[in-house]
Amino acid sequence: MSLVAKIHRQFAHLVRELAKFGSVGAIAFVITFGIGNGLHTGLGMGPLTSNGIATVVATTFAYLANRYWTFRHRDRTGLGREYVLFFALNGVGLVITELFIGFSHYVLGLSGAVYYNAALVIGTGFATLFRFWSYKKWVFLPSSAPQVDPASGLPEAPAAPGAHRAQPNGQPHGQQGPAPRLGHPLDARHAEDYAQFTRR
C-alpha cells in the first residue's frame, strides 16, 4: 500500500469517527440544552446545578450511542469499566464546561439566558475536543491495544522497545545462541610451536 493511500485510509477512518461522534454530540447537546434551560429558566434552579443534571442525562445517552455506533468496531473491555471511565472523563468535560459558565455568570456578572447559552456553547466545544481524544485513548480501545489490567481497569503498559521475549532455552526471542565450536583453536603455546616449525 502506498504512503498516500495509507494516509488517505487513516484520515478517512478518522473523519467517519468524527462525523459519528459529532452526530452523537449534537444530540447530547440538544438534551443538555433542553433540560438545562428547562431547569434553569423554567424551574429557577442555579446555572451549575441545571447544567450538571442535564449533563448526567446526556452522558448516559452519549455512552450508549458511542459504544454501539461510533466506536462499535473497537474492542469491548467490559461494560462496567467503560461506563465508569466514560463518566469519569465526562466529569472532566463537565468541569471544563462549568468553568466557562461559572466564569461568565459569577466573575463577569453576565446573567440571563443569552449569556448562559453562549458560555454553554463555548464550554461544550472545548469539552467535546477533550472527550473525543480521551475516549479513543482510554475508553474505546483499538483492537491492537494492550490487554486491560483487571486490577486497575486500565490498559497495561506495553513492553519496552528493546525488550525481548525469552525462548524456552533461555535465549531472548529472535536471538541465536553462541555458535557451536567446530574445533579447538590454537592456544598461544601451540601457535609458537607452529611458528617455529614453519621457520625451519
N, C-alpha and C. Protein backbone atom coordinates (compact mmCIF):
# COMPACT_ATOMS: atom_id res chain seq x y z
N MET A 1 0.85 -1.20 0.00
CA MET A 1 0.00 0.00 0.00
C MET A 1 0.88 1.25 0.00
N SER A 2 0.62 2.18 -0.91
CA SER A 2 1.43 3.39 -1.00
C SER A 2 1.18 4.28 0.21
N LEU A 3 2.11 5.21 0.40
CA LEU A 3 2.01 6.12 1.55
C LEU A 3 0.77 7.00 1.44
N VAL A 4 0.49 7.48 0.23
CA VAL A 4 -0.69 8.34 0.03
C VAL A 4 -1.98 7.59 0.34
N ALA A 5 -2.05 6.33 -0.15
CA ALA A 5 -3.26 5.54 0.11
C ALA A 5 -3.39 5.23 1.59
N LYS A 6 -2.26 4.98 2.25
CA LYS A 6 -2.29 4.68 3.69
C LYS A 6 -2.77 5.89 4.48
N ILE A 7 -2.26 7.07 4.14
CA ILE A 7 -2.67 8.29 4.83
C ILE A 7 -4.15 8.58 4.57
N HIS A 8 -4.58 8.39 3.32
CA HIS A 8 -5.99 8.63 2.98
C HIS A 8 -6.90 7.69 3.75
N ARG A 9 -6.48 6.42 3.84
CA ARG A 9 -7.30 5.45 4.55
C ARG A 9 -7.40 5.80 6.03
N GLN A 10 -6.27 6.21 6.62
CA GLN A 10 -6.27 6.54 8.04
C GLN A 10 -7.14 7.76 8.32
N PHE A 11 -7.02 8.80 7.48
CA PHE A 11 -7.79 10.01 7.72
C PHE A 11 -9.26 9.81 7.37
N ALA A 12 -9.55 8.97 6.38
CA ALA A 12 -10.95 8.69 6.06
C ALA A 12 -11.64 8.01 7.23
N HIS A 13 -10.93 7.10 7.87
CA HIS A 13 -11.48 6.42 9.05
C HIS A 13 -11.69 7.42 10.18
N LEU A 14 -10.73 8.33 10.36
CA LEU A 14 -10.85 9.34 11.41
C LEU A 14 -12.01 10.27 11.14
N VAL A 15 -12.20 10.63 9.87
CA VAL A 15 -13.31 11.52 9.51
C VAL A 15 -14.65 10.85 9.80
N ARG A 16 -14.75 9.55 9.49
CA ARG A 16 -16.01 8.83 9.78
C ARG A 16 -16.28 8.80 11.28
N GLU A 17 -15.23 8.56 12.05
CA GLU A 17 -15.41 8.55 13.51
C GLU A 17 -15.83 9.93 14.01
N LEU A 18 -15.19 10.96 13.49
CA LEU A 18 -15.55 12.32 13.92
C LEU A 18 -16.98 12.68 13.54
N ALA A 19 -17.41 12.22 12.35
CA ALA A 19 -18.78 12.52 11.91
C ALA A 19 -19.79 11.85 12.83
N LYS A 20 -19.56 10.58 13.16
CA LYS A 20 -20.47 9.88 14.05
C LYS A 20 -20.43 10.49 15.45
N PHE A 21 -19.21 10.75 15.92
CA PHE A 21 -19.05 11.34 17.25
C PHE A 21 -19.73 12.70 17.31
N GLY A 22 -19.59 13.48 16.24
CA GLY A 22 -20.24 14.79 16.20
C GLY A 22 -21.74 14.70 16.20
N SER A 23 -22.28 13.68 15.50
CA SER A 23 -23.74 13.49 15.48
C SER A 23 -24.26 13.15 16.87
N VAL A 24 -23.54 12.23 17.53
CA VAL A 24 -23.94 11.87 18.90
C VAL A 24 -23.82 13.08 19.81
N GLY A 25 -22.72 13.82 19.65
CA GLY A 25 -22.52 15.00 20.48
C GLY A 25 -23.58 16.05 20.27
N ALA A 26 -24.04 16.19 19.01
CA ALA A 26 -25.08 17.18 18.72
C ALA A 26 -26.39 16.83 19.42
N ILE A 27 -26.74 15.54 19.38
CA ILE A 27 -27.98 15.12 20.06
C ILE A 27 -27.83 15.27 21.56
N ALA A 28 -26.65 14.90 22.07
CA ALA A 28 -26.41 15.04 23.51
C ALA A 28 -26.47 16.51 23.91
N PHE A 29 -25.98 17.38 23.03
CA PHE A 29 -26.04 18.81 23.33
C PHE A 29 -27.48 19.31 23.38
N VAL A 30 -28.32 18.82 22.46
CA VAL A 30 -29.74 19.20 22.48
C VAL A 30 -30.38 18.76 23.78
N ILE A 31 -30.01 17.54 24.23
CA ILE A 31 -30.54 17.05 25.51
C ILE A 31 -30.07 17.97 26.65
N THR A 32 -28.76 18.29 26.65
CA THR A 32 -28.23 19.16 27.69
C THR A 32 -28.87 20.55 27.63
N PHE A 33 -28.99 21.05 26.42
CA PHE A 33 -29.57 22.39 26.22
C PHE A 33 -31.02 22.44 26.69
N GLY A 34 -31.81 21.43 26.30
CA GLY A 34 -33.22 21.43 26.65
C GLY A 34 -33.46 21.27 28.14
N ILE A 35 -32.81 20.27 28.73
CA ILE A 35 -33.01 20.03 30.16
C ILE A 35 -32.41 21.16 30.98
N GLY A 36 -31.20 21.63 30.58
CA GLY A 36 -30.55 22.70 31.33
C GLY A 36 -31.37 23.98 31.34
N ASN A 37 -31.88 24.36 30.17
CA ASN A 37 -32.71 25.57 30.12
C ASN A 37 -34.04 25.38 30.83
N GLY A 38 -34.60 24.18 30.73
CA GLY A 38 -35.86 23.93 31.43
C GLY A 38 -35.71 24.05 32.93
N LEU A 39 -34.59 23.51 33.45
CA LEU A 39 -34.37 23.59 34.90
C LEU A 39 -33.96 24.99 35.34
N HIS A 40 -33.15 25.67 34.52
CA HIS A 40 -32.63 26.97 34.94
C HIS A 40 -33.65 28.09 34.76
N THR A 41 -34.17 28.20 33.55
CA THR A 41 -35.12 29.30 33.28
C THR A 41 -36.56 28.94 33.63
N GLY A 42 -36.90 27.66 33.55
CA GLY A 42 -38.27 27.25 33.83
C GLY A 42 -38.54 27.02 35.30
N LEU A 43 -37.60 26.28 35.96
CA LEU A 43 -37.82 25.95 37.37
C LEU A 43 -37.00 26.80 38.33
N GLY A 44 -36.14 27.66 37.78
CA GLY A 44 -35.39 28.57 38.64
C GLY A 44 -34.21 27.97 39.36
N MET A 45 -33.72 26.82 38.92
CA MET A 45 -32.52 26.23 39.53
C MET A 45 -31.29 27.04 39.14
N GLY A 46 -30.23 26.89 39.92
CA GLY A 46 -28.98 27.57 39.62
C GLY A 46 -28.38 27.08 38.32
N PRO A 47 -27.55 27.89 37.68
CA PRO A 47 -27.00 27.50 36.38
C PRO A 47 -26.10 26.27 36.44
N LEU A 48 -25.31 26.14 37.48
CA LEU A 48 -24.40 24.99 37.58
C LEU A 48 -25.17 23.71 37.87
N THR A 49 -26.16 23.79 38.77
CA THR A 49 -26.98 22.61 39.09
C THR A 49 -27.77 22.16 37.87
N SER A 50 -28.34 23.12 37.15
CA SER A 50 -29.12 22.78 35.96
C SER A 50 -28.27 22.09 34.91
N ASN A 51 -27.09 22.63 34.67
CA ASN A 51 -26.20 22.03 33.67
C ASN A 51 -25.67 20.67 34.12
N GLY A 52 -25.43 20.52 35.42
CA GLY A 52 -24.94 19.24 35.94
C GLY A 52 -25.96 18.11 35.75
N ILE A 53 -27.22 18.37 36.09
CA ILE A 53 -28.27 17.36 35.92
C ILE A 53 -28.46 17.03 34.44
N ALA A 54 -28.49 18.06 33.62
CA ALA A 54 -28.66 17.84 32.19
C ALA A 54 -27.52 17.03 31.60
N THR A 55 -26.31 17.27 32.09
CA THR A 55 -25.13 16.56 31.58
C THR A 55 -25.18 15.09 31.92
N VAL A 56 -25.64 14.74 33.11
CA VAL A 56 -25.74 13.33 33.51
C VAL A 56 -26.68 12.57 32.57
N VAL A 57 -27.83 13.18 32.27
CA VAL A 57 -28.78 12.54 31.36
C VAL A 57 -28.19 12.40 29.96
N ALA A 58 -27.57 13.47 29.46
CA ALA A 58 -26.99 13.44 28.12
C ALA A 58 -25.81 12.47 28.04
N THR A 59 -25.06 12.33 29.12
CA THR A 59 -23.91 11.43 29.13
C THR A 59 -24.34 9.98 29.00
N THR A 60 -25.43 9.63 29.66
CA THR A 60 -25.94 8.26 29.55
C THR A 60 -26.30 7.93 28.10
N PHE A 61 -26.97 8.86 27.45
CA PHE A 61 -27.28 8.66 26.04
C PHE A 61 -26.01 8.57 25.20
N ALA A 62 -25.06 9.47 25.45
CA ALA A 62 -23.84 9.52 24.65
C ALA A 62 -23.03 8.25 24.77
N TYR A 63 -22.97 7.69 25.98
CA TYR A 63 -22.20 6.45 26.13
C TYR A 63 -22.80 5.33 25.28
N LEU A 64 -24.10 5.13 25.37
CA LEU A 64 -24.75 4.05 24.63
C LEU A 64 -24.59 4.25 23.12
N ALA A 65 -24.74 5.49 22.66
CA ALA A 65 -24.63 5.76 21.22
C ALA A 65 -23.20 5.59 20.73
N ASN A 66 -22.23 6.02 21.50
CA ASN A 66 -20.84 5.87 21.09
C ASN A 66 -20.37 4.42 21.17
N ARG A 67 -20.82 3.72 22.18
CA ARG A 67 -20.39 2.33 22.33
C ARG A 67 -20.93 1.45 21.20
N TYR A 68 -22.19 1.62 20.87
CA TYR A 68 -22.85 0.72 19.92
C TYR A 68 -22.98 1.30 18.51
N TRP A 69 -22.40 2.50 18.29
CA TRP A 69 -22.43 3.05 16.94
C TRP A 69 -21.08 3.65 16.54
N THR A 70 -20.65 4.71 17.22
CA THR A 70 -19.42 5.40 16.82
C THR A 70 -18.21 4.49 16.92
N PHE A 71 -18.03 3.84 18.06
CA PHE A 71 -16.83 3.03 18.30
C PHE A 71 -17.16 1.54 18.42
N ARG A 72 -18.16 1.09 17.69
CA ARG A 72 -18.55 -0.31 17.81
C ARG A 72 -17.49 -1.25 17.24
N HIS A 73 -16.59 -0.75 16.37
CA HIS A 73 -15.53 -1.56 15.78
C HIS A 73 -14.35 -1.73 16.72
N ARG A 74 -14.34 -1.03 17.82
CA ARG A 74 -13.23 -1.13 18.76
C ARG A 74 -13.49 -2.20 19.81
N ASP A 75 -12.41 -2.60 20.49
CA ASP A 75 -12.52 -3.67 21.47
C ASP A 75 -13.51 -3.30 22.58
N ARG A 76 -14.15 -4.33 23.10
CA ARG A 76 -15.04 -4.16 24.25
C ARG A 76 -14.34 -4.75 25.46
N THR A 77 -13.99 -3.88 26.39
CA THR A 77 -13.19 -4.29 27.54
C THR A 77 -14.02 -4.35 28.82
N GLY A 78 -15.31 -4.52 28.70
CA GLY A 78 -16.17 -4.62 29.87
C GLY A 78 -17.06 -3.42 30.03
N LEU A 79 -18.36 -3.68 30.12
CA LEU A 79 -19.33 -2.58 30.22
C LEU A 79 -19.09 -1.74 31.46
N GLY A 80 -18.81 -2.41 32.60
CA GLY A 80 -18.60 -1.66 33.83
C GLY A 80 -17.39 -0.75 33.75
N ARG A 81 -16.27 -1.28 33.23
CA ARG A 81 -15.05 -0.48 33.11
C ARG A 81 -15.27 0.72 32.20
N GLU A 82 -15.86 0.46 31.03
CA GLU A 82 -16.08 1.53 30.08
C GLU A 82 -17.03 2.59 30.64
N TYR A 83 -18.08 2.13 31.31
CA TYR A 83 -19.10 3.05 31.83
C TYR A 83 -18.49 3.97 32.88
N VAL A 84 -17.68 3.39 33.78
CA VAL A 84 -17.07 4.19 34.84
C VAL A 84 -16.09 5.20 34.25
N LEU A 85 -15.21 4.73 33.34
CA LEU A 85 -14.25 5.64 32.73
C LEU A 85 -14.94 6.71 31.90
N PHE A 86 -15.99 6.30 31.18
CA PHE A 86 -16.73 7.25 30.35
C PHE A 86 -17.30 8.37 31.20
N PHE A 87 -17.90 8.02 32.31
CA PHE A 87 -18.48 9.04 33.18
C PHE A 87 -17.40 9.86 33.88
N ALA A 88 -16.28 9.23 34.21
CA ALA A 88 -15.20 9.98 34.83
C ALA A 88 -14.64 11.03 33.87
N LEU A 89 -14.43 10.63 32.62
CA LEU A 89 -13.91 11.57 31.63
C LEU A 89 -14.96 12.63 31.28
N ASN A 90 -16.23 12.24 31.30
CA ASN A 90 -17.28 13.23 31.10
C ASN A 90 -17.34 14.20 32.27
N GLY A 91 -16.96 13.70 33.45
CA GLY A 91 -16.88 14.59 34.60
C GLY A 91 -15.84 15.69 34.37
N VAL A 92 -14.71 15.31 33.76
CA VAL A 92 -13.70 16.31 33.42
C VAL A 92 -14.25 17.27 32.38
N GLY A 93 -14.96 16.71 31.38
CA GLY A 93 -15.58 17.57 30.38
C GLY A 93 -16.62 18.51 30.98
N LEU A 94 -17.36 17.99 31.96
CA LEU A 94 -18.35 18.82 32.65
C LEU A 94 -17.67 19.97 33.39
N VAL A 95 -16.54 19.67 34.04
CA VAL A 95 -15.81 20.72 34.75
C VAL A 95 -15.36 21.81 33.79
N ILE A 96 -14.90 21.39 32.60
CA ILE A 96 -14.48 22.37 31.59
C ILE A 96 -15.64 23.29 31.23
N THR A 97 -16.82 22.69 30.96
CA THR A 97 -17.99 23.50 30.62
C THR A 97 -18.43 24.38 31.79
N GLU A 98 -18.41 23.81 32.99
CA GLU A 98 -18.83 24.58 34.17
C GLU A 98 -17.91 25.77 34.42
N LEU A 99 -16.62 25.61 34.10
CA LEU A 99 -15.69 26.72 34.28
C LEU A 99 -16.09 27.91 33.40
N PHE A 100 -16.49 27.62 32.17
CA PHE A 100 -16.91 28.70 31.28
C PHE A 100 -18.21 29.33 31.77
N ILE A 101 -19.17 28.49 32.20
CA ILE A 101 -20.45 29.02 32.69
C ILE A 101 -20.25 29.82 33.98
N GLY A 102 -19.47 29.25 34.91
CA GLY A 102 -19.23 29.92 36.17
C GLY A 102 -18.47 31.23 35.99
N PHE A 103 -17.49 31.24 35.08
CA PHE A 103 -16.73 32.46 34.84
C PHE A 103 -17.63 33.55 34.26
N SER A 104 -18.51 33.14 33.33
CA SER A 104 -19.41 34.12 32.72
C SER A 104 -20.42 34.66 33.73
N HIS A 105 -20.96 33.78 34.56
CA HIS A 105 -22.06 34.18 35.46
C HIS A 105 -21.55 34.87 36.72
N TYR A 106 -20.51 34.28 37.35
CA TYR A 106 -20.10 34.77 38.67
C TYR A 106 -18.92 35.75 38.61
N VAL A 107 -18.07 35.65 37.62
CA VAL A 107 -16.91 36.56 37.53
C VAL A 107 -17.25 37.78 36.68
N LEU A 108 -17.79 37.51 35.47
CA LEU A 108 -18.13 38.63 34.59
C LEU A 108 -19.48 39.24 34.92
N GLY A 109 -20.30 38.55 35.72
CA GLY A 109 -21.61 39.07 36.09
C GLY A 109 -22.60 39.10 34.95
N LEU A 110 -22.43 38.20 33.98
CA LEU A 110 -23.33 38.16 32.81
C LEU A 110 -24.42 37.14 33.08
N SER A 111 -25.57 37.58 33.52
CA SER A 111 -26.68 36.68 33.82
C SER A 111 -27.71 36.75 32.71
N GLY A 112 -28.57 35.74 32.67
CA GLY A 112 -29.60 35.70 31.64
C GLY A 112 -29.37 34.55 30.69
N ALA A 113 -30.43 34.21 29.94
CA ALA A 113 -30.40 33.05 29.08
C ALA A 113 -29.38 33.18 27.95
N VAL A 114 -29.21 34.39 27.41
CA VAL A 114 -28.28 34.58 26.29
C VAL A 114 -26.86 34.28 26.71
N TYR A 115 -26.42 34.86 27.82
CA TYR A 115 -25.05 34.65 28.28
C TYR A 115 -24.84 33.22 28.77
N TYR A 116 -25.86 32.66 29.40
CA TYR A 116 -25.77 31.26 29.85
C TYR A 116 -25.54 30.34 28.66
N ASN A 117 -26.32 30.51 27.60
CA ASN A 117 -26.19 29.65 26.44
C ASN A 117 -24.90 29.90 25.66
N ALA A 118 -24.43 31.14 25.64
CA ALA A 118 -23.16 31.44 24.97
C ALA A 118 -22.00 30.73 25.68
N ALA A 119 -22.00 30.82 27.00
CA ALA A 119 -20.96 30.13 27.76
C ALA A 119 -21.09 28.62 27.63
N LEU A 120 -22.33 28.13 27.56
CA LEU A 120 -22.57 26.69 27.40
C LEU A 120 -22.02 26.20 26.06
N VAL A 121 -22.24 26.94 24.99
CA VAL A 121 -21.77 26.54 23.66
C VAL A 121 -20.24 26.51 23.61
N ILE A 122 -19.61 27.58 24.11
CA ILE A 122 -18.15 27.65 24.07
C ILE A 122 -17.53 26.57 24.95
N GLY A 123 -18.05 26.42 26.16
CA GLY A 123 -17.52 25.41 27.05
C GLY A 123 -17.71 24.00 26.52
N THR A 124 -18.86 23.75 25.91
CA THR A 124 -19.12 22.44 25.33
C THR A 124 -18.17 22.14 24.18
N GLY A 125 -17.81 23.15 23.40
CA GLY A 125 -16.86 22.95 22.30
C GLY A 125 -15.52 22.47 22.80
N PHE A 126 -14.97 23.12 23.82
CA PHE A 126 -13.69 22.70 24.38
C PHE A 126 -13.81 21.32 25.04
N ALA A 127 -14.91 21.10 25.73
CA ALA A 127 -15.11 19.80 26.39
C ALA A 127 -15.24 18.67 25.38
N THR A 128 -15.85 18.94 24.21
CA THR A 128 -16.01 17.91 23.19
C THR A 128 -14.68 17.46 22.64
N LEU A 129 -13.77 18.40 22.40
CA LEU A 129 -12.44 18.03 21.92
C LEU A 129 -11.72 17.14 22.92
N PHE A 130 -11.84 17.48 24.20
CA PHE A 130 -11.22 16.63 25.22
C PHE A 130 -11.85 15.26 25.27
N ARG A 131 -13.17 15.18 25.15
CA ARG A 131 -13.86 13.90 25.23
C ARG A 131 -13.47 12.98 24.07
N PHE A 132 -13.43 13.52 22.86
CA PHE A 132 -13.09 12.69 21.71
C PHE A 132 -11.69 12.09 21.87
N TRP A 133 -10.75 12.90 22.28
CA TRP A 133 -9.38 12.43 22.48
C TRP A 133 -9.31 11.40 23.60
N SER A 134 -9.96 11.66 24.72
CA SER A 134 -9.85 10.78 25.87
C SER A 134 -10.61 9.47 25.68
N TYR A 135 -11.75 9.49 24.96
CA TYR A 135 -12.48 8.25 24.71
C TYR A 135 -11.63 7.28 23.90
N LYS A 136 -10.98 7.80 22.85
CA LYS A 136 -10.17 6.95 21.99
C LYS A 136 -8.94 6.43 22.73
N LYS A 137 -8.44 7.18 23.69
CA LYS A 137 -7.22 6.80 24.40
C LYS A 137 -7.48 5.83 25.54
N TRP A 138 -8.60 6.00 26.27
CA TRP A 138 -8.80 5.23 27.49
C TRP A 138 -10.07 4.39 27.55
N VAL A 139 -11.10 4.74 26.79
CA VAL A 139 -12.38 4.02 26.94
C VAL A 139 -12.57 2.99 25.83
N PHE A 140 -12.66 3.44 24.60
CA PHE A 140 -12.92 2.55 23.46
C PHE A 140 -11.59 2.23 22.79
N LEU A 141 -10.94 1.18 23.26
CA LEU A 141 -9.58 0.88 22.84
C LEU A 141 -9.56 0.22 21.47
N PRO A 142 -8.51 0.49 20.67
CA PRO A 142 -8.40 -0.19 19.37
C PRO A 142 -8.09 -1.66 19.55
N SER A 143 -8.32 -2.42 18.50
CA SER A 143 -8.12 -3.87 18.58
C SER A 143 -6.67 -4.24 18.82
N SER A 144 -5.73 -3.35 18.49
CA SER A 144 -4.32 -3.62 18.68
C SER A 144 -3.81 -3.13 20.03
N ALA A 145 -4.70 -2.65 20.88
CA ALA A 145 -4.29 -2.10 22.16
C ALA A 145 -3.87 -3.23 23.10
N PRO A 146 -3.01 -2.93 24.11
CA PRO A 146 -2.62 -3.95 25.07
C PRO A 146 -3.79 -4.39 25.93
N GLN A 147 -3.62 -5.52 26.59
CA GLN A 147 -4.66 -6.06 27.45
C GLN A 147 -4.93 -5.11 28.61
N VAL A 148 -6.15 -5.19 29.13
CA VAL A 148 -6.55 -4.34 30.26
C VAL A 148 -6.19 -5.04 31.56
N ASP A 149 -5.56 -4.28 32.45
CA ASP A 149 -5.21 -4.80 33.77
C ASP A 149 -6.49 -4.98 34.58
N PRO A 150 -6.80 -6.22 35.04
CA PRO A 150 -8.05 -6.42 35.78
C PRO A 150 -8.09 -5.70 37.11
N ALA A 151 -6.93 -5.39 37.67
CA ALA A 151 -6.90 -4.74 38.98
C ALA A 151 -7.25 -3.26 38.87
N SER A 152 -6.65 -2.57 37.88
CA SER A 152 -6.86 -1.13 37.75
C SER A 152 -7.92 -0.77 36.73
N GLY A 153 -8.21 -1.69 35.79
CA GLY A 153 -9.15 -1.39 34.73
C GLY A 153 -8.57 -0.55 33.62
N LEU A 154 -7.25 -0.30 33.65
CA LEU A 154 -6.59 0.50 32.64
C LEU A 154 -5.72 -0.39 31.76
N PRO A 155 -5.40 0.09 30.54
CA PRO A 155 -4.54 -0.72 29.67
C PRO A 155 -3.18 -0.95 30.30
N GLU A 156 -2.66 -2.18 30.14
CA GLU A 156 -1.35 -2.49 30.66
C GLU A 156 -0.29 -1.78 29.84
N ALA A 157 0.82 -1.46 30.49
CA ALA A 157 1.89 -0.77 29.79
C ALA A 157 2.53 -1.70 28.78
N PRO A 158 2.80 -1.21 27.56
CA PRO A 158 3.44 -2.06 26.56
C PRO A 158 4.87 -2.37 26.95
N ALA A 159 5.41 -3.43 26.38
CA ALA A 159 6.78 -3.83 26.67
C ALA A 159 7.75 -2.78 26.17
N ALA A 160 8.90 -2.66 26.83
CA ALA A 160 9.92 -1.70 26.42
C ALA A 160 10.38 -2.02 25.01
N PRO A 161 10.77 -0.98 24.23
CA PRO A 161 11.16 -1.22 22.84
C PRO A 161 12.29 -2.22 22.69
N GLY A 162 13.24 -2.24 23.63
CA GLY A 162 14.38 -3.14 23.50
C GLY A 162 14.19 -4.48 24.17
N ALA A 163 13.00 -4.68 24.75
CA ALA A 163 12.78 -5.92 25.48
C ALA A 163 12.58 -7.07 24.51
N HIS A 164 13.05 -8.26 24.91
CA HIS A 164 12.89 -9.47 24.11
C HIS A 164 12.17 -10.51 24.94
N ARG A 165 11.32 -11.25 24.28
CA ARG A 165 10.62 -12.32 24.95
C ARG A 165 11.53 -13.53 25.01
N ALA A 166 11.64 -14.13 26.18
CA ALA A 166 12.54 -15.26 26.36
C ALA A 166 11.99 -16.50 25.68
N GLN A 167 12.90 -17.29 25.10
CA GLN A 167 12.54 -18.55 24.50
C GLN A 167 12.69 -19.65 25.54
N PRO A 168 12.18 -20.83 25.24
CA PRO A 168 12.29 -21.91 26.21
C PRO A 168 13.73 -22.23 26.59
N ASN A 169 14.71 -22.02 25.69
CA ASN A 169 16.09 -22.33 26.01
C ASN A 169 16.79 -21.21 26.77
N GLY A 170 16.03 -20.17 27.12
CA GLY A 170 16.60 -19.08 27.91
C GLY A 170 17.13 -17.94 27.09
N GLN A 171 17.23 -18.11 25.77
CA GLN A 171 17.71 -17.05 24.90
C GLN A 171 16.57 -16.08 24.58
N PRO A 172 16.85 -14.78 24.44
CA PRO A 172 15.81 -13.84 24.02
C PRO A 172 15.26 -14.20 22.67
N HIS A 173 13.97 -13.89 22.47
CA HIS A 173 13.31 -14.21 21.21
C HIS A 173 14.00 -13.50 20.05
N GLY A 174 14.29 -14.25 18.99
CA GLY A 174 14.92 -13.66 17.83
C GLY A 174 16.42 -13.57 17.92
N GLN A 175 17.00 -14.09 19.01
CA GLN A 175 18.44 -14.01 19.18
C GLN A 175 18.99 -15.42 19.28
N GLN A 176 20.00 -15.73 18.49
CA GLN A 176 20.57 -17.06 18.46
C GLN A 176 21.59 -17.22 19.57
N GLY A 177 21.78 -18.42 19.98
CA GLY A 177 22.78 -18.73 20.99
C GLY A 177 24.16 -18.71 20.38
N PRO A 178 25.21 -18.97 21.18
CA PRO A 178 26.57 -18.97 20.65
C PRO A 178 26.75 -20.05 19.61
N ALA A 179 27.53 -19.73 18.58
CA ALA A 179 27.76 -20.69 17.52
C ALA A 179 28.52 -21.89 18.04
N PRO A 180 28.20 -23.10 17.61
CA PRO A 180 28.90 -24.29 18.07
C PRO A 180 30.36 -24.26 17.64
N ARG A 181 31.22 -24.82 18.50
CA ARG A 181 32.65 -24.84 18.21
C ARG A 181 32.92 -25.97 17.22
N LEU A 182 33.57 -25.61 16.13
CA LEU A 182 33.90 -26.59 15.11
C LEU A 182 35.22 -27.28 15.43
N GLY A 183 35.99 -26.72 16.24
CA GLY A 183 37.28 -27.32 16.61
C GLY A 183 37.93 -26.48 17.68
N HIS A 184 38.96 -26.99 18.28
CA HIS A 184 39.65 -26.24 19.32
C HIS A 184 40.63 -25.29 18.68
N PRO A 185 40.55 -24.01 18.92
CA PRO A 185 41.50 -23.07 18.33
C PRO A 185 42.89 -23.26 18.91
N LEU A 186 43.89 -22.84 18.18
CA LEU A 186 45.26 -22.93 18.66
C LEU A 186 45.46 -21.98 19.82
N ASP A 187 45.97 -22.51 20.93
CA ASP A 187 46.26 -21.59 22.02
C ASP A 187 47.63 -20.97 21.77
N ALA A 188 48.09 -20.15 22.67
CA ALA A 188 49.33 -19.40 22.46
C ALA A 188 50.53 -20.33 22.32
N ARG A 189 50.58 -21.40 23.16
CA ARG A 189 51.72 -22.32 23.10
C ARG A 189 51.78 -23.05 21.78
N HIS A 190 50.65 -23.57 21.28
CA HIS A 190 50.62 -24.25 20.01
C HIS A 190 50.97 -23.30 18.86
N ALA A 191 50.55 -22.04 18.98
CA ALA A 191 50.86 -21.08 17.93
C ALA A 191 52.36 -20.85 17.82
N GLU A 192 53.05 -20.78 18.99
CA GLU A 192 54.51 -20.59 18.96
C GLU A 192 55.19 -21.80 18.34
N ASP A 193 54.76 -23.02 18.71
CA ASP A 193 55.36 -24.23 18.13
C ASP A 193 55.17 -24.26 16.64
N TYR A 194 54.00 -23.84 16.18
CA TYR A 194 53.71 -23.85 14.75
C TYR A 194 54.60 -22.83 14.03
N ALA A 195 54.81 -21.66 14.68
CA ALA A 195 55.66 -20.63 14.07
C ALA A 195 57.10 -21.13 13.95
N GLN A 196 57.64 -21.83 15.01
CA GLN A 196 59.00 -22.35 14.95
C GLN A 196 59.11 -23.41 13.86
N PHE A 197 58.08 -24.24 13.70
CA PHE A 197 58.11 -25.30 12.71
C PHE A 197 58.16 -24.70 11.30
N THR A 198 57.45 -23.64 11.06
CA THR A 198 57.41 -23.06 9.73
C THR A 198 58.69 -22.32 9.39
N ARG A 199 59.47 -21.87 10.45
CA ARG A 199 60.71 -21.16 10.17
C ARG A 199 61.84 -22.13 9.80
N ARG A 200 61.69 -23.41 10.14
CA ARG A 200 62.75 -24.36 9.84
C ARG A 200 62.81 -24.72 8.37
